[in-house]
Amino acid sequence: MYYNLVSAKHIGGYLLTVEFEDGRSGVVDVAPFIAKGGVFAKLADMEFFKKFQINRDFGVLSWGNEVDIAPERLYEEATDEIRRVAESRTEYGR
């Protein structure tokens, strides 16, 4: 399944509201990505962070050619989709 990002808006701190092609939306906290360091450390600079854009060819949230976050990861964070699926599964043998 593809999770193309269609809109993103900064709402304060390292929080973004995001909306996907399928109409689902939510809030993503980018702070945990920044805490991991590496390429994401650049996002700690708030002025740099606020210059995000959506790469329409790939539906990806990006900061120029330097940093991007995959749309499926954003979808997971924004919609809590993975956790809901895991919590809805029943254990075998019960």
Protein backbone atom coordinates (compact mmCIF):
# COMPACT_ATOMS: atom_id res chain seq x y z
CA MET A 1 0.00 0.00 0.00
CA TYR A 2 1.22 3.51 -0.78
CA TYR A 3 0.88 6.30 1.74
CA ASN A 4 1.44 9.44 -0.31
CA LEU A 5 1.60 12.57 1.77
CA VAL A 6 -0.56 15.37 0.36
CA SER A 7 -0.24 18.08 3.03
CA ALA A 8 1.79 18.99 6.08
CA LYS A 9 1.57 21.94 8.43
CA HIS A 10 3.80 23.01 11.29
CA ILE A 11 1.73 23.42 14.47
CA GLY A 12 4.46 24.20 17.00
CA GLY A 13 7.67 22.74 18.32
CA TYR A 14 8.52 19.68 16.27
CA LEU A 15 4.87 18.78 15.64
CA LEU A 16 3.34 18.55 12.19
CA THR A 17 -0.19 17.78 11.10
CA VAL A 18 -0.11 15.55 8.06
CA GLU A 19 -2.71 14.31 5.61
CA PHE A 20 -2.43 11.39 3.23
CA GLU A 21 -3.89 10.58 -0.15
CA ASP A 22 -6.38 8.14 1.42
CA GLY A 23 -7.85 10.98 3.53
CA ARG A 24 -6.37 9.86 6.84
CA SER A 25 -4.55 12.46 8.90
CA GLY A 26 -2.90 13.01 12.24
CA VAL A 27 -0.09 14.62 14.15
CA VAL A 28 3.55 13.57 13.92
CA ASP A 29 6.12 14.47 16.54
CA VAL A 30 9.48 14.68 14.74
CA ALA A 31 11.43 15.08 18.03
CA PRO A 32 12.09 11.31 18.38
CA PHE A 33 13.63 11.28 14.89
CA ILE A 34 15.90 14.18 15.89
CA ALA A 35 16.91 12.37 19.09
CA LYS A 36 18.23 9.46 17.00
CA GLY A 37 20.85 11.82 15.57
CA GLY A 38 22.61 11.16 12.31
CA VAL A 39 21.04 12.94 9.35
CA PHE A 40 17.99 13.86 11.48
CA ALA A 41 20.17 15.97 13.83
CA LYS A 42 19.91 18.78 11.25
CA LEU A 43 16.22 19.09 12.07
CA ALA A 44 17.06 20.33 15.58
CA ASP A 45 17.66 23.75 14.00
CA MET A 46 14.10 25.10 14.13
CA GLU A 47 14.60 27.43 11.16
CA PHE A 48 15.80 24.48 9.05
CA PHE A 49 12.98 22.30 10.38
CA LYS A 50 10.32 24.79 9.31
CA LYS A 51 11.55 24.68 5.69
CA PHE A 52 10.06 21.24 5.01
CA GLN A 53 8.30 20.50 1.77
CA ILE A 54 6.46 17.63 0.18
CA ASN A 55 8.17 15.93 -2.72
CA ARG A 56 5.08 15.40 -4.89
CA ASP A 57 6.80 12.79 -7.07
CA PHE A 58 7.28 10.45 -4.10
CA GLY A 59 4.76 11.72 -1.51
CA VAL A 60 7.66 12.23 0.90
CA LEU A 61 8.24 14.90 3.54
CA SER A 62 11.65 16.40 2.83
CA TRP A 63 14.06 19.13 3.71
CA GLY A 64 15.66 19.80 0.35
CA ASN A 65 18.06 17.10 -0.72
CA GLU A 66 19.36 16.66 2.81
CA VAL A 67 16.72 14.88 4.92
CA ASP A 68 13.45 13.07 4.27
CA ILE A 69 11.02 10.88 6.16
CA ALA A 70 9.29 8.06 4.32
CA PRO A 71 5.53 8.48 3.99
CA GLU A 72 4.81 5.03 5.39
CA ARG A 73 6.69 5.95 8.59
CA LEU A 74 4.74 9.20 8.86
CA TYR A 75 1.50 7.29 8.27
CA GLU A 76 2.36 4.87 11.06
CA GLU A 77 3.13 7.74 13.44
CA ALA A 78 0.15 9.89 12.46
CA THR A 79 -2.53 7.21 12.40
CA ASP A 80 -1.07 4.74 14.90
CA GLU A 81 -1.98 2.13 12.27
CA ILE A 82 0.62 -0.47 13.22
CA ARG A 83 -0.31 -0.41 16.92
CA ARG A 84 -4.03 -0.74 16.14
CA VAL A 85 -3.43 -3.76 13.91
CA ALA A 86 -1.24 -5.42 16.56
CA GLU A 87 -3.76 -4.75 19.33
CA SER A 88 -6.65 -6.12 17.26
CA ARG A 89 -4.99 -9.49 16.63
CA THR A 90 -6.19 -12.35 18.78
CA GLU A 91 -3.76 -14.82 20.28
CA TYR A 92 -3.72 -18.27 18.74
CA GLY A 93 -5.08 -21.09 20.84
CA ARG A 94 -7.49 -19.03 22.92
